[in-house]
Amino acid sequence: MAEPKDTYQTLAGPASSEFRDRGSKFLGYVSPAYSEEDWKGQLEQVRKEHPKARHHCYAFRLGLDQNNFRANDDGEPSGTAGRPILGQIDSFGLTYTMAIVVRYFGGTLLGTSGLINAYREATALALSQAQIINRTVEEVYRLSFDYTLMGNVMSSIEGLKLNMTGQHFEETAAVDLAIRRSEVKGTLLRLKAAIGELYLEEVEEETSIPGLEIEWRKTI
């Protein structure tokens, strides 16, 4: 059975560009985006920066399954803006990426092919200015445990060289661990075995360790 996909390419940060054609000015803005809140916030910011622009066209792709995307022409003829923008995100092999192209109309109609080329070029120029990075998908799990297990938990985390991203010490103790998606199953089994002082062969996914609860929190 194939391991779940857990690597992808995105942008390290924002970048921008400018492209001109027959008097019209196209300003490209690209940036990483990981949620609806992200892309809506970025779009709103660009609209505030360019309130007099004729069009604020955009596209984004989120997630690893290629199914979460949008392409918006913002008043341009259908298919002449959003799709070319999205096409460049895909051409660069990116996800979790937002691209916006602002157009200031220069008085000359560009026609369908001219618009497609302008929105494509503005996006490509901005993406070429950005730093593209490879990222690994990690799943964050919270381990909640009785204080009597503190020594076992901490020594197990250290022994397995796990990435602890948070600690919470109240009535019960808890720590957050970030685990590479493709390694989650095996890591959690080894962790249970270490904390419960069991042989790995004795541990299954359903195995519970007294005083220990493991809960998935989020994907990062």
N, C-alpha and C. Protein backbone atom coordinates (compact mmCIF):
# COMPACT_ATOMS: atom_id res chain seq x y z
N MET A 1 0.85 -1.20 0.00
CA MET A 1 0.00 0.00 0.00
C MET A 1 0.88 1.25 0.00
N ALA A 2 0.58 2.21 -0.88
CA ALA A 2 1.41 3.40 -1.00
C ALA A 2 1.30 4.26 0.25
N GLU A 3 2.44 4.88 0.61
CA GLU A 3 2.43 5.79 1.74
C GLU A 3 1.68 7.07 1.35
N PRO A 4 1.02 7.73 2.31
CA PRO A 4 0.34 8.98 1.99
C PRO A 4 1.33 10.04 1.55
N LYS A 5 0.93 10.86 0.58
CA LYS A 5 1.80 11.93 0.11
C LYS A 5 2.04 12.92 1.23
N ASP A 6 3.30 13.26 1.48
CA ASP A 6 3.56 14.18 2.58
C ASP A 6 4.63 15.22 2.26
N THR A 7 4.89 15.46 0.99
CA THR A 7 5.77 16.56 0.61
C THR A 7 5.12 17.37 -0.50
N TYR A 8 5.43 18.65 -0.54
CA TYR A 8 4.87 19.52 -1.57
C TYR A 8 5.76 20.75 -1.74
N GLN A 9 5.54 21.48 -2.83
CA GLN A 9 6.25 22.72 -3.09
C GLN A 9 5.31 23.90 -2.88
N THR A 10 5.83 24.93 -2.23
CA THR A 10 5.08 26.17 -2.07
C THR A 10 6.07 27.33 -2.05
N LEU A 11 5.59 28.50 -1.68
CA LEU A 11 6.44 29.69 -1.65
C LEU A 11 6.92 29.97 -0.23
N ALA A 12 8.17 30.43 -0.13
CA ALA A 12 8.69 30.79 1.19
C ALA A 12 8.10 32.10 1.68
N GLY A 13 7.68 32.94 0.76
CA GLY A 13 7.12 34.24 1.13
C GLY A 13 6.56 34.94 -0.10
N PRO A 14 6.09 36.16 0.06
CA PRO A 14 5.46 36.87 -1.05
C PRO A 14 6.47 37.40 -2.07
N ALA A 15 5.99 37.66 -3.27
CA ALA A 15 6.78 38.29 -4.33
C ALA A 15 5.81 39.02 -5.25
N SER A 16 6.35 39.91 -6.08
CA SER A 16 5.47 40.70 -6.95
C SER A 16 6.15 40.96 -8.30
N SER A 17 5.36 41.48 -9.23
CA SER A 17 5.87 41.75 -10.57
C SER A 17 5.05 42.85 -11.22
N GLU A 18 5.55 43.34 -12.36
CA GLU A 18 4.80 44.30 -13.16
C GLU A 18 4.97 43.94 -14.63
N PHE A 19 3.85 43.91 -15.35
CA PHE A 19 3.86 43.61 -16.77
C PHE A 19 2.97 44.63 -17.46
N ARG A 20 3.44 45.17 -18.60
CA ARG A 20 2.68 46.18 -19.34
C ARG A 20 2.41 45.71 -20.77
N ASP A 21 1.24 46.06 -21.25
CA ASP A 21 0.88 45.74 -22.63
C ASP A 21 -0.08 46.81 -23.15
N ARG A 22 0.36 47.56 -24.16
CA ARG A 22 -0.46 48.58 -24.82
C ARG A 22 -1.18 49.50 -23.84
N GLY A 23 -0.44 49.97 -22.87
CA GLY A 23 -0.97 50.94 -21.92
C GLY A 23 -1.56 50.36 -20.66
N SER A 24 -1.99 49.11 -20.71
CA SER A 24 -2.52 48.47 -19.50
C SER A 24 -1.36 47.99 -18.63
N LYS A 25 -1.54 48.15 -17.33
CA LYS A 25 -0.51 47.72 -16.38
C LYS A 25 -1.07 46.57 -15.55
N PHE A 26 -0.30 45.49 -15.47
CA PHE A 26 -0.71 44.30 -14.73
C PHE A 26 0.29 44.07 -13.59
N LEU A 27 -0.20 44.14 -12.36
CA LEU A 27 0.65 43.95 -11.18
C LEU A 27 0.37 42.57 -10.59
N GLY A 28 1.38 41.75 -10.52
CA GLY A 28 1.22 40.40 -10.00
C GLY A 28 1.68 40.29 -8.55
N TYR A 29 0.89 39.60 -7.74
CA TYR A 29 1.24 39.35 -6.33
C TYR A 29 1.06 37.87 -6.04
N VAL A 30 2.09 37.23 -5.53
CA VAL A 30 2.00 35.81 -5.18
C VAL A 30 2.46 35.63 -3.74
N SER A 31 1.91 34.63 -3.08
CA SER A 31 2.27 34.39 -1.69
C SER A 31 1.77 33.01 -1.25
N PRO A 32 2.35 32.47 -0.19
CA PRO A 32 1.81 31.22 0.34
C PRO A 32 0.45 31.47 0.99
N ALA A 33 -0.42 30.48 0.94
CA ALA A 33 -1.75 30.57 1.57
C ALA A 33 -2.15 29.17 2.00
N TYR A 34 -2.56 29.03 3.25
CA TYR A 34 -2.86 27.71 3.79
C TYR A 34 -4.32 27.52 4.19
N SER A 35 -5.13 28.56 4.03
CA SER A 35 -6.53 28.44 4.44
C SER A 35 -7.37 29.48 3.71
N GLU A 36 -8.68 29.35 3.84
CA GLU A 36 -9.60 30.34 3.27
C GLU A 36 -9.34 31.71 3.87
N GLU A 37 -9.07 31.73 5.17
CA GLU A 37 -8.77 33.00 5.84
C GLU A 37 -7.54 33.66 5.23
N ASP A 38 -6.52 32.85 4.91
CA ASP A 38 -5.30 33.38 4.30
C ASP A 38 -5.58 34.06 2.97
N TRP A 39 -6.22 33.32 2.04
CA TRP A 39 -6.37 33.89 0.70
C TRP A 39 -7.35 35.06 0.67
N LYS A 40 -8.38 34.99 1.49
CA LYS A 40 -9.33 36.11 1.54
C LYS A 40 -8.66 37.36 2.11
N GLY A 41 -7.82 37.16 3.12
CA GLY A 41 -7.11 38.28 3.73
C GLY A 41 -6.15 38.94 2.75
N GLN A 42 -5.44 38.11 1.99
CA GLN A 42 -4.49 38.65 1.01
C GLN A 42 -5.22 39.39 -0.10
N LEU A 43 -6.33 38.86 -0.56
CA LEU A 43 -7.10 39.51 -1.61
C LEU A 43 -7.63 40.86 -1.12
N GLU A 44 -8.13 40.89 0.08
CA GLU A 44 -8.66 42.13 0.65
C GLU A 44 -7.55 43.19 0.78
N GLN A 45 -6.36 42.76 1.17
CA GLN A 45 -5.24 43.69 1.31
C GLN A 45 -4.86 44.30 -0.03
N VAL A 46 -4.79 43.47 -1.08
CA VAL A 46 -4.44 43.98 -2.41
C VAL A 46 -5.53 44.93 -2.91
N ARG A 47 -6.78 44.62 -2.67
CA ARG A 47 -7.87 45.50 -3.08
C ARG A 47 -7.77 46.86 -2.38
N LYS A 48 -7.37 46.86 -1.12
CA LYS A 48 -7.20 48.11 -0.39
C LYS A 48 -6.04 48.92 -0.95
N GLU A 49 -4.98 48.23 -1.38
CA GLU A 49 -3.82 48.91 -1.93
C GLU A 49 -4.09 49.48 -3.32
N HIS A 50 -5.04 48.90 -4.04
CA HIS A 50 -5.33 49.33 -5.41
C HIS A 50 -6.83 49.52 -5.61
N PRO A 51 -7.42 50.47 -4.90
CA PRO A 51 -8.88 50.65 -4.98
C PRO A 51 -9.36 51.17 -6.33
N LYS A 52 -8.47 51.80 -7.11
CA LYS A 52 -8.88 52.37 -8.39
C LYS A 52 -8.61 51.45 -9.57
N ALA A 53 -8.05 50.29 -9.32
CA ALA A 53 -7.77 49.35 -10.41
C ALA A 53 -9.08 48.80 -10.98
N ARG A 54 -9.07 48.49 -12.28
CA ARG A 54 -10.27 48.00 -12.95
C ARG A 54 -10.60 46.55 -12.52
N HIS A 55 -9.57 45.73 -12.37
CA HIS A 55 -9.80 44.32 -12.05
C HIS A 55 -8.79 43.83 -11.01
N HIS A 56 -9.25 42.94 -10.15
CA HIS A 56 -8.40 42.24 -9.18
C HIS A 56 -8.64 40.75 -9.38
N CYS A 57 -7.96 40.16 -10.34
CA CYS A 57 -8.20 38.76 -10.70
C CYS A 57 -7.27 37.87 -9.87
N TYR A 58 -7.72 36.65 -9.61
CA TYR A 58 -6.91 35.81 -8.73
C TYR A 58 -7.17 34.33 -8.95
N ALA A 59 -6.27 33.54 -8.38
CA ALA A 59 -6.44 32.09 -8.34
C ALA A 59 -5.63 31.55 -7.18
N PHE A 60 -6.03 30.41 -6.69
CA PHE A 60 -5.24 29.73 -5.65
C PHE A 60 -5.42 28.23 -5.80
N ARG A 61 -4.46 27.51 -5.25
CA ARG A 61 -4.58 26.06 -5.09
C ARG A 61 -4.09 25.73 -3.69
N LEU A 62 -4.90 24.97 -2.95
CA LEU A 62 -4.57 24.55 -1.59
C LEU A 62 -4.60 23.03 -1.51
N GLY A 63 -3.90 22.47 -0.53
CA GLY A 63 -3.97 21.04 -0.27
C GLY A 63 -3.09 20.21 -1.17
N LEU A 64 -3.11 18.89 -0.91
CA LEU A 64 -2.26 17.96 -1.64
C LEU A 64 -3.03 17.17 -2.69
N ASP A 65 -4.35 17.21 -2.65
CA ASP A 65 -5.14 16.36 -3.55
C ASP A 65 -5.55 17.05 -4.84
N GLN A 66 -5.11 18.31 -5.03
CA GLN A 66 -5.39 19.07 -6.25
C GLN A 66 -6.85 19.47 -6.42
N ASN A 67 -7.68 19.26 -5.43
CA ASN A 67 -9.12 19.52 -5.57
C ASN A 67 -9.59 20.85 -4.99
N ASN A 68 -8.75 21.51 -4.21
CA ASN A 68 -9.15 22.77 -3.57
C ASN A 68 -8.51 23.93 -4.32
N PHE A 69 -9.25 24.53 -5.24
CA PHE A 69 -8.71 25.62 -6.04
C PHE A 69 -9.84 26.55 -6.47
N ARG A 70 -9.43 27.72 -6.92
CA ARG A 70 -10.39 28.68 -7.46
C ARG A 70 -9.69 29.56 -8.48
N ALA A 71 -10.42 29.97 -9.50
CA ALA A 71 -9.90 30.90 -10.50
C ALA A 71 -10.99 31.94 -10.78
N ASN A 72 -10.68 33.22 -10.55
CA ASN A 72 -11.70 34.27 -10.63
C ASN A 72 -11.27 35.34 -11.64
N ASP A 73 -12.16 35.66 -12.60
CA ASP A 73 -11.84 36.63 -13.65
C ASP A 73 -12.17 38.07 -13.26
N ASP A 74 -12.91 38.27 -12.19
CA ASP A 74 -13.26 39.59 -11.69
C ASP A 74 -13.66 40.57 -12.80
N GLY A 75 -14.58 40.16 -13.63
CA GLY A 75 -15.12 41.06 -14.65
C GLY A 75 -14.45 40.98 -16.00
N GLU A 76 -13.30 40.34 -16.10
CA GLU A 76 -12.68 40.13 -17.40
C GLU A 76 -13.47 39.03 -18.14
N PRO A 77 -13.35 38.98 -19.48
CA PRO A 77 -14.04 37.91 -20.22
C PRO A 77 -13.71 36.53 -19.65
N SER A 78 -14.71 35.67 -19.61
CA SER A 78 -14.56 34.36 -18.97
C SER A 78 -13.34 33.59 -19.50
N GLY A 79 -12.51 33.12 -18.57
CA GLY A 79 -11.37 32.29 -18.92
C GLY A 79 -10.12 33.04 -19.31
N THR A 80 -10.16 34.39 -19.29
CA THR A 80 -8.99 35.14 -19.75
C THR A 80 -8.05 35.56 -18.63
N ALA A 81 -8.45 35.39 -17.37
CA ALA A 81 -7.62 35.87 -16.27
C ALA A 81 -7.37 34.79 -15.22
N GLY A 82 -8.43 34.36 -14.54
CA GLY A 82 -8.25 33.39 -13.46
C GLY A 82 -7.59 32.10 -13.90
N ARG A 83 -8.02 31.57 -15.03
CA ARG A 83 -7.45 30.30 -15.51
C ARG A 83 -5.97 30.44 -15.88
N PRO A 84 -5.57 31.48 -16.61
CA PRO A 84 -4.14 31.64 -16.87
C PRO A 84 -3.32 31.81 -15.60
N ILE A 85 -3.88 32.48 -14.60
CA ILE A 85 -3.17 32.64 -13.33
C ILE A 85 -3.00 31.28 -12.66
N LEU A 86 -4.10 30.51 -12.58
CA LEU A 86 -4.02 29.19 -11.97
C LEU A 86 -3.07 28.29 -12.76
N GLY A 87 -3.08 28.44 -14.08
CA GLY A 87 -2.21 27.62 -14.91
C GLY A 87 -0.74 27.81 -14.58
N GLN A 88 -0.35 29.02 -14.19
CA GLN A 88 1.04 29.26 -13.82
C GLN A 88 1.38 28.68 -12.44
N ILE A 89 0.43 28.74 -11.52
CA ILE A 89 0.63 28.07 -10.22
C ILE A 89 0.91 26.59 -10.46
N ASP A 90 0.12 25.98 -11.34
CA ASP A 90 0.29 24.56 -11.64
C ASP A 90 1.58 24.31 -12.42
N SER A 91 1.90 25.20 -13.35
CA SER A 91 3.11 25.03 -14.15
C SER A 91 4.36 25.03 -13.28
N PHE A 92 4.34 25.81 -12.20
CA PHE A 92 5.47 25.85 -11.27
C PHE A 92 5.41 24.71 -10.26
N GLY A 93 4.38 23.88 -10.34
CA GLY A 93 4.26 22.72 -9.45
C GLY A 93 3.97 23.08 -8.00
N LEU A 94 3.14 24.10 -7.79
CA LEU A 94 2.93 24.63 -6.45
C LEU A 94 1.55 24.28 -5.90
N THR A 95 1.46 24.25 -4.59
CA THR A 95 0.18 24.24 -3.89
C THR A 95 0.30 25.13 -2.68
N TYR A 96 -0.79 25.30 -1.94
CA TYR A 96 -0.83 26.27 -0.85
C TYR A 96 -0.28 27.61 -1.35
N THR A 97 -0.77 28.03 -2.51
CA THR A 97 -0.25 29.23 -3.16
C THR A 97 -1.39 30.08 -3.70
N MET A 98 -1.27 31.40 -3.49
CA MET A 98 -2.26 32.38 -3.95
C MET A 98 -1.59 33.33 -4.93
N ALA A 99 -2.27 33.66 -6.02
CA ALA A 99 -1.76 34.63 -6.98
C ALA A 99 -2.87 35.61 -7.35
N ILE A 100 -2.54 36.90 -7.31
CA ILE A 100 -3.49 37.96 -7.64
C ILE A 100 -2.83 38.85 -8.71
N VAL A 101 -3.59 39.20 -9.72
CA VAL A 101 -3.09 40.14 -10.73
C VAL A 101 -4.06 41.32 -10.81
N VAL A 102 -3.53 42.51 -10.55
CA VAL A 102 -4.31 43.75 -10.59
C VAL A 102 -4.10 44.40 -11.96
N ARG A 103 -5.20 44.82 -12.59
CA ARG A 103 -5.08 45.47 -13.90
C ARG A 103 -5.55 46.93 -13.83
N TYR A 104 -4.69 47.81 -14.30
CA TYR A 104 -5.06 49.18 -14.56
C TYR A 104 -5.24 49.32 -16.07
N PHE A 105 -6.47 49.62 -16.50
CA PHE A 105 -6.78 49.66 -17.93
C PHE A 105 -6.11 50.85 -18.60
N GLY A 106 -5.47 50.59 -19.74
CA GLY A 106 -4.73 51.64 -20.43
C GLY A 106 -5.46 52.27 -21.61
N GLY A 107 -6.71 51.90 -21.84
CA GLY A 107 -7.49 52.52 -22.89
C GLY A 107 -7.57 51.73 -24.17
N THR A 108 -6.75 50.68 -24.31
CA THR A 108 -6.75 49.86 -25.52
C THR A 108 -7.19 48.44 -25.18
N LEU A 109 -8.18 47.95 -25.89
CA LEU A 109 -8.63 46.57 -25.68
C LEU A 109 -7.55 45.61 -26.15
N LEU A 110 -7.29 44.58 -25.35
CA LEU A 110 -6.22 43.63 -25.69
C LEU A 110 -6.73 42.39 -26.40
N GLY A 111 -8.02 42.16 -26.35
CA GLY A 111 -8.55 40.94 -26.95
C GLY A 111 -8.31 39.74 -26.07
N THR A 112 -8.97 38.65 -26.40
CA THR A 112 -8.87 37.43 -25.58
C THR A 112 -7.45 36.94 -25.44
N SER A 113 -6.75 36.79 -26.55
CA SER A 113 -5.38 36.26 -26.48
C SER A 113 -4.44 37.20 -25.75
N GLY A 114 -4.65 38.51 -25.93
CA GLY A 114 -3.82 39.49 -25.23
C GLY A 114 -4.01 39.45 -23.73
N LEU A 115 -5.26 39.30 -23.31
CA LEU A 115 -5.55 39.22 -21.87
C LEU A 115 -4.95 37.95 -21.27
N ILE A 116 -5.15 36.83 -21.93
CA ILE A 116 -4.61 35.56 -21.43
C ILE A 116 -3.10 35.67 -21.27
N ASN A 117 -2.44 36.24 -22.27
CA ASN A 117 -0.98 36.37 -22.21
C ASN A 117 -0.55 37.30 -21.08
N ALA A 118 -1.27 38.41 -20.91
CA ALA A 118 -0.89 39.38 -19.88
C ALA A 118 -1.03 38.81 -18.47
N TYR A 119 -2.15 38.17 -18.21
CA TYR A 119 -2.35 37.60 -16.87
C TYR A 119 -1.38 36.44 -16.62
N ARG A 120 -1.11 35.67 -17.66
CA ARG A 120 -0.15 34.57 -17.52
C ARG A 120 1.26 35.12 -17.23
N GLU A 121 1.67 36.14 -18.00
CA GLU A 121 3.02 36.68 -17.85
C GLU A 121 3.21 37.38 -16.51
N ALA A 122 2.21 38.12 -16.06
CA ALA A 122 2.33 38.81 -14.77
C ALA A 122 2.49 37.81 -13.63
N THR A 123 1.74 36.72 -13.73
CA THR A 123 1.85 35.68 -12.70
C THR A 123 3.19 34.97 -12.77
N ALA A 124 3.61 34.60 -13.97
CA ALA A 124 4.88 33.89 -14.14
C ALA A 124 6.05 34.74 -13.65
N LEU A 125 6.01 36.04 -13.94
CA LEU A 125 7.08 36.92 -13.50
C LEU A 125 7.15 36.99 -11.97
N ALA A 126 5.98 37.10 -11.34
CA ALA A 126 5.97 37.15 -9.87
C ALA A 126 6.48 35.84 -9.27
N LEU A 127 6.03 34.71 -9.82
CA LEU A 127 6.47 33.41 -9.30
C LEU A 127 7.98 33.21 -9.51
N SER A 128 8.50 33.74 -10.61
CA SER A 128 9.94 33.60 -10.86
C SER A 128 10.76 34.42 -9.88
N GLN A 129 10.14 35.43 -9.27
CA GLN A 129 10.82 36.25 -8.26
C GLN A 129 10.74 35.63 -6.86
N ALA A 130 9.86 34.67 -6.69
CA ALA A 130 9.63 34.08 -5.36
C ALA A 130 10.60 32.93 -5.10
N GLN A 131 10.82 32.66 -3.83
CA GLN A 131 11.61 31.49 -3.44
C GLN A 131 10.67 30.31 -3.27
N ILE A 132 10.93 29.25 -4.02
CA ILE A 132 10.12 28.04 -3.94
C ILE A 132 10.79 27.06 -2.99
N ILE A 133 10.02 26.50 -2.08
CA ILE A 133 10.57 25.59 -1.07
C ILE A 133 9.80 24.28 -1.07
N ASN A 134 10.47 23.24 -0.62
CA ASN A 134 9.83 21.94 -0.40
C ASN A 134 9.46 21.84 1.07
N ARG A 135 8.24 21.42 1.35
CA ARG A 135 7.79 21.27 2.73
C ARG A 135 7.27 19.86 2.97
N THR A 136 7.37 19.44 4.20
CA THR A 136 6.89 18.12 4.62
C THR A 136 5.63 18.28 5.44
N VAL A 137 4.61 17.50 5.14
CA VAL A 137 3.36 17.54 5.90
C VAL A 137 3.55 16.78 7.21
N GLU A 138 3.18 17.42 8.30
CA GLU A 138 3.27 16.78 9.61
C GLU A 138 1.91 16.80 10.29
N GLU A 139 1.66 15.74 11.05
CA GLU A 139 0.44 15.65 11.85
C GLU A 139 0.81 15.91 13.31
N VAL A 140 0.05 16.80 13.94
CA VAL A 140 0.31 17.13 15.34
C VAL A 140 -0.62 16.31 16.23
N TYR A 141 -0.02 15.59 17.16
CA TYR A 141 -0.76 14.80 18.14
C TYR A 141 -0.48 15.33 19.54
N ARG A 142 -1.52 15.33 20.36
CA ARG A 142 -1.36 15.73 21.77
C ARG A 142 -1.36 14.48 22.66
N LEU A 143 -0.34 14.36 23.46
CA LEU A 143 -0.25 13.29 24.45
C LEU A 143 -0.64 13.89 25.81
N SER A 144 -1.76 13.45 26.36
CA SER A 144 -2.18 13.86 27.70
C SER A 144 -1.92 12.69 28.63
N PHE A 145 -1.31 12.96 29.79
CA PHE A 145 -0.89 11.84 30.63
C PHE A 145 -0.83 12.24 32.11
N ASP A 146 -0.95 11.22 32.95
CA ASP A 146 -0.79 11.43 34.39
C ASP A 146 0.66 11.80 34.69
N TYR A 147 0.83 12.58 35.72
CA TYR A 147 2.19 13.01 36.07
C TYR A 147 3.08 11.83 36.46
N THR A 148 2.47 10.73 36.84
CA THR A 148 3.28 9.55 37.18
C THR A 148 4.00 9.00 35.95
N LEU A 149 3.50 9.35 34.75
CA LEU A 149 4.14 8.89 33.52
C LEU A 149 5.14 9.89 32.94
N MET A 150 5.34 11.00 33.64
CA MET A 150 6.19 12.07 33.10
C MET A 150 7.56 11.57 32.66
N GLY A 151 8.22 10.81 33.51
CA GLY A 151 9.55 10.32 33.19
C GLY A 151 9.56 9.45 31.95
N ASN A 152 8.59 8.52 31.88
CA ASN A 152 8.50 7.62 30.72
C ASN A 152 8.22 8.39 29.43
N VAL A 153 7.31 9.36 29.51
CA VAL A 153 6.94 10.12 28.32
C VAL A 153 8.13 10.91 27.80
N MET A 154 8.78 11.66 28.68
CA MET A 154 9.88 12.52 28.24
C MET A 154 11.07 11.71 27.73
N SER A 155 11.38 10.63 28.41
CA SER A 155 12.51 9.81 27.96
C SER A 155 12.19 9.11 26.63
N SER A 156 10.92 8.75 26.43
CA SER A 156 10.51 8.10 25.17
C SER A 156 10.60 9.09 24.01
N ILE A 157 10.14 10.30 24.24
CA ILE A 157 10.22 11.34 23.20
C ILE A 157 11.67 11.61 22.83
N GLU A 158 12.51 11.70 23.83
CA GLU A 158 13.93 11.95 23.58
C GLU A 158 14.57 10.76 22.87
N GLY A 159 14.25 9.56 23.31
CA GLY A 159 14.83 8.37 22.72
C GLY A 159 14.44 8.16 21.27
N LEU A 160 13.19 8.53 20.93
CA LEU A 160 12.71 8.39 19.56
C LEU A 160 13.02 9.62 18.70
N LYS A 161 13.64 10.62 19.34
CA LYS A 161 14.02 11.86 18.64
C LYS A 161 12.82 12.52 17.96
N LEU A 162 11.74 12.67 18.70
CA LEU A 162 10.51 13.26 18.17
C LEU A 162 10.52 14.78 18.35
N ASN A 163 9.76 15.45 17.50
CA ASN A 163 9.70 16.91 17.52
C ASN A 163 8.56 17.37 18.42
N MET A 164 8.90 17.86 19.61
CA MET A 164 7.90 18.34 20.56
C MET A 164 7.65 19.82 20.29
N THR A 165 6.40 20.16 19.97
CA THR A 165 6.07 21.53 19.59
C THR A 165 5.33 22.31 20.67
N GLY A 166 4.98 21.66 21.76
CA GLY A 166 4.29 22.37 22.83
C GLY A 166 4.22 21.55 24.10
N GLN A 167 4.13 22.23 25.24
CA GLN A 167 4.00 21.57 26.53
C GLN A 167 2.91 22.28 27.33
N HIS A 168 2.11 21.50 28.07
CA HIS A 168 0.99 22.05 28.83
C HIS A 168 0.95 21.30 30.17
N PHE A 169 1.17 22.03 31.25
CA PHE A 169 1.20 21.40 32.57
C PHE A 169 0.16 22.06 33.47
N GLU A 170 -0.96 21.35 33.61
CA GLU A 170 -2.04 21.84 34.46
C GLU A 170 -2.45 20.69 35.39
N GLU A 171 -3.76 20.36 35.47
CA GLU A 171 -4.16 19.24 36.32
C GLU A 171 -3.55 17.94 35.82
N THR A 172 -3.53 17.81 34.50
CA THR A 172 -2.79 16.71 33.88
C THR A 172 -1.75 17.33 32.96
N ALA A 173 -0.77 16.54 32.62
CA ALA A 173 0.29 17.03 31.74
C ALA A 173 -0.05 16.69 30.29
N ALA A 174 0.47 17.49 29.37
CA ALA A 174 0.26 17.22 27.95
C ALA A 174 1.42 17.80 27.15
N VAL A 175 1.76 17.11 26.08
CA VAL A 175 2.76 17.62 25.14
C VAL A 175 2.23 17.42 23.73
N ASP A 176 2.64 18.29 22.82
CA ASP A 176 2.27 18.18 21.41
C ASP A 176 3.49 17.71 20.62
N LEU A 177 3.25 16.76 19.73
CA LEU A 177 4.30 16.21 18.89
C LEU A 177 3.93 16.38 17.43
N ALA A 178 4.87 16.82 16.60
CA ALA A 178 4.68 16.91 15.15
C ALA A 178 5.39 15.73 14.51
N ILE A 179 4.62 14.90 13.79
CA ILE A 179 5.15 13.66 13.21
C ILE A 179 4.92 13.68 11.71
N ARG A 180 5.94 13.36 10.94
CA ARG A 180 5.80 13.30 9.49
C ARG A 180 4.65 12.37 9.13
N ARG A 181 3.78 12.82 8.21
CA ARG A 181 2.54 12.09 7.91
C ARG A 181 2.79 10.62 7.58
N SER A 182 3.77 10.34 6.74
CA SER A 182 4.00 8.97 6.30
C SER A 182 4.57 8.09 7.41
N GLU A 183 4.98 8.71 8.54
CA GLU A 183 5.60 7.95 9.62
C GLU A 183 4.72 7.87 10.86
N VAL A 184 3.49 8.38 10.77
CA VAL A 184 2.63 8.48 11.96
C VAL A 184 2.35 7.12 12.59
N LYS A 185 1.89 6.16 11.79
CA LYS A 185 1.48 4.88 12.34
C LYS A 185 2.61 4.20 13.11
N GLY A 186 3.76 4.05 12.48
CA GLY A 186 4.87 3.38 13.13
C GLY A 186 5.39 4.14 14.34
N THR A 187 5.39 5.47 14.24
CA THR A 187 5.89 6.29 15.35
C THR A 187 5.00 6.15 16.57
N LEU A 188 3.69 6.20 16.38
CA LEU A 188 2.78 6.09 17.52
C LEU A 188 2.86 4.70 18.17
N LEU A 189 3.07 3.67 17.38
CA LEU A 189 3.24 2.33 17.95
C LEU A 189 4.50 2.26 18.80
N ARG A 190 5.60 2.78 18.27
CA ARG A 190 6.86 2.77 19.04
C ARG A 190 6.75 3.62 20.29
N LEU A 191 6.01 4.73 20.19
CA LEU A 191 5.84 5.61 21.35
C LEU A 191 5.04 4.91 22.45
N LYS A 192 3.96 4.25 22.07
CA LYS A 192 3.17 3.51 23.07
C LYS A 192 4.01 2.43 23.73
N ALA A 193 4.77 1.71 22.93
CA ALA A 193 5.60 0.64 23.48
C ALA A 193 6.61 1.19 24.47
N ALA A 194 7.24 2.31 24.12
CA ALA A 194 8.27 2.90 24.99
C ALA A 194 7.66 3.41 26.28
N ILE A 195 6.53 4.14 26.19
CA ILE A 195 5.92 4.71 27.38
C ILE A 195 5.35 3.61 28.27
N GLY A 196 4.74 2.61 27.66
CA GLY A 196 4.14 1.52 28.43
C GLY A 196 5.09 0.43 28.82
N GLU A 197 6.37 0.58 28.42
CA GLU A 197 7.42 -0.41 28.72
C GLU A 197 6.99 -1.80 28.21
N LEU A 198 6.58 -1.81 26.93
CA LEU A 198 6.14 -3.03 26.28
C LEU A 198 7.06 -3.35 25.10
N TYR A 199 7.02 -4.60 24.67
CA TYR A 199 7.70 -4.95 23.42
C TYR A 199 6.86 -4.40 22.27
N LEU A 200 7.53 -3.96 21.21
CA LEU A 200 6.81 -3.41 20.07
C LEU A 200 5.81 -4.41 19.50
N GLU A 201 6.17 -5.68 19.54
CA GLU A 201 5.28 -6.72 19.02
C GLU A 201 3.98 -6.85 19.82
N GLU A 202 3.97 -6.31 21.03
CA GLU A 202 2.78 -6.38 21.87
C GLU A 202 1.79 -5.25 21.59
N VAL A 203 2.22 -4.27 20.82
CA VAL A 203 1.43 -3.04 20.67
C VAL A 203 0.74 -3.00 19.30
N GLU A 204 -0.55 -2.62 19.32
CA GLU A 204 -1.32 -2.40 18.10
C GLU A 204 -1.93 -1.01 18.16
N GLU A 205 -2.57 -0.57 17.06
CA GLU A 205 -3.17 0.76 17.03
C GLU A 205 -4.21 0.93 18.14
N GLU A 206 -4.92 -0.15 18.47
CA GLU A 206 -5.98 -0.06 19.47
C GLU A 206 -5.44 -0.15 20.90
N THR A 207 -4.17 -0.47 21.06
CA THR A 207 -3.59 -0.64 22.40
C THR A 207 -3.66 0.66 23.18
N SER A 208 -4.17 0.60 24.41
CA SER A 208 -4.21 1.78 25.27
C SER A 208 -3.23 1.60 26.42
N ILE A 209 -2.59 2.70 26.78
CA ILE A 209 -1.66 2.71 27.91
C ILE A 209 -2.35 3.41 29.07
N PRO A 210 -2.51 2.76 30.23
CA PRO A 210 -3.17 3.40 31.36
C PRO A 210 -2.54 4.75 31.70
N GLY A 211 -3.40 5.77 31.83
CA GLY A 211 -2.91 7.10 32.18
C GLY A 211 -2.47 7.93 31.00
N LEU A 212 -2.58 7.38 29.76
CA LEU A 212 -2.11 8.09 28.56
C LEU A 212 -3.23 8.19 27.53
N GLU A 213 -3.43 9.37 26.98
CA GLU A 213 -4.36 9.56 25.88
C GLU A 213 -3.63 10.25 24.73
N ILE A 214 -3.86 9.77 23.51
CA ILE A 214 -3.22 10.36 22.33
C ILE A 214 -4.33 10.85 21.40
N GLU A 215 -4.29 12.13 21.06
CA GLU A 215 -5.36 12.76 20.28
C GLU A 215 -4.75 13.55 19.12
N TRP A 216 -5.29 13.31 17.91
CA TRP A 216 -4.86 14.12 16.77
C TRP A 216 -5.38 15.53 16.91
N ARG A 217 -4.52 16.52 16.61
CA ARG A 217 -4.91 17.92 16.76
C ARG A 217 -5.06 18.65 15.42
N LYS A 218 -4.04 18.57 14.56
CA LYS A 218 -4.11 19.31 13.30
C LYS A 218 -2.99 18.87 12.36
N THR A 219 -3.09 19.31 11.12
CA THR A 219 -2.07 19.07 10.12
C THR A 219 -1.30 20.37 9.88
N ILE A 220 0.01 20.27 9.78
CA ILE A 220 0.80 21.47 9.50
C ILE A 220 1.75 21.19 8.34
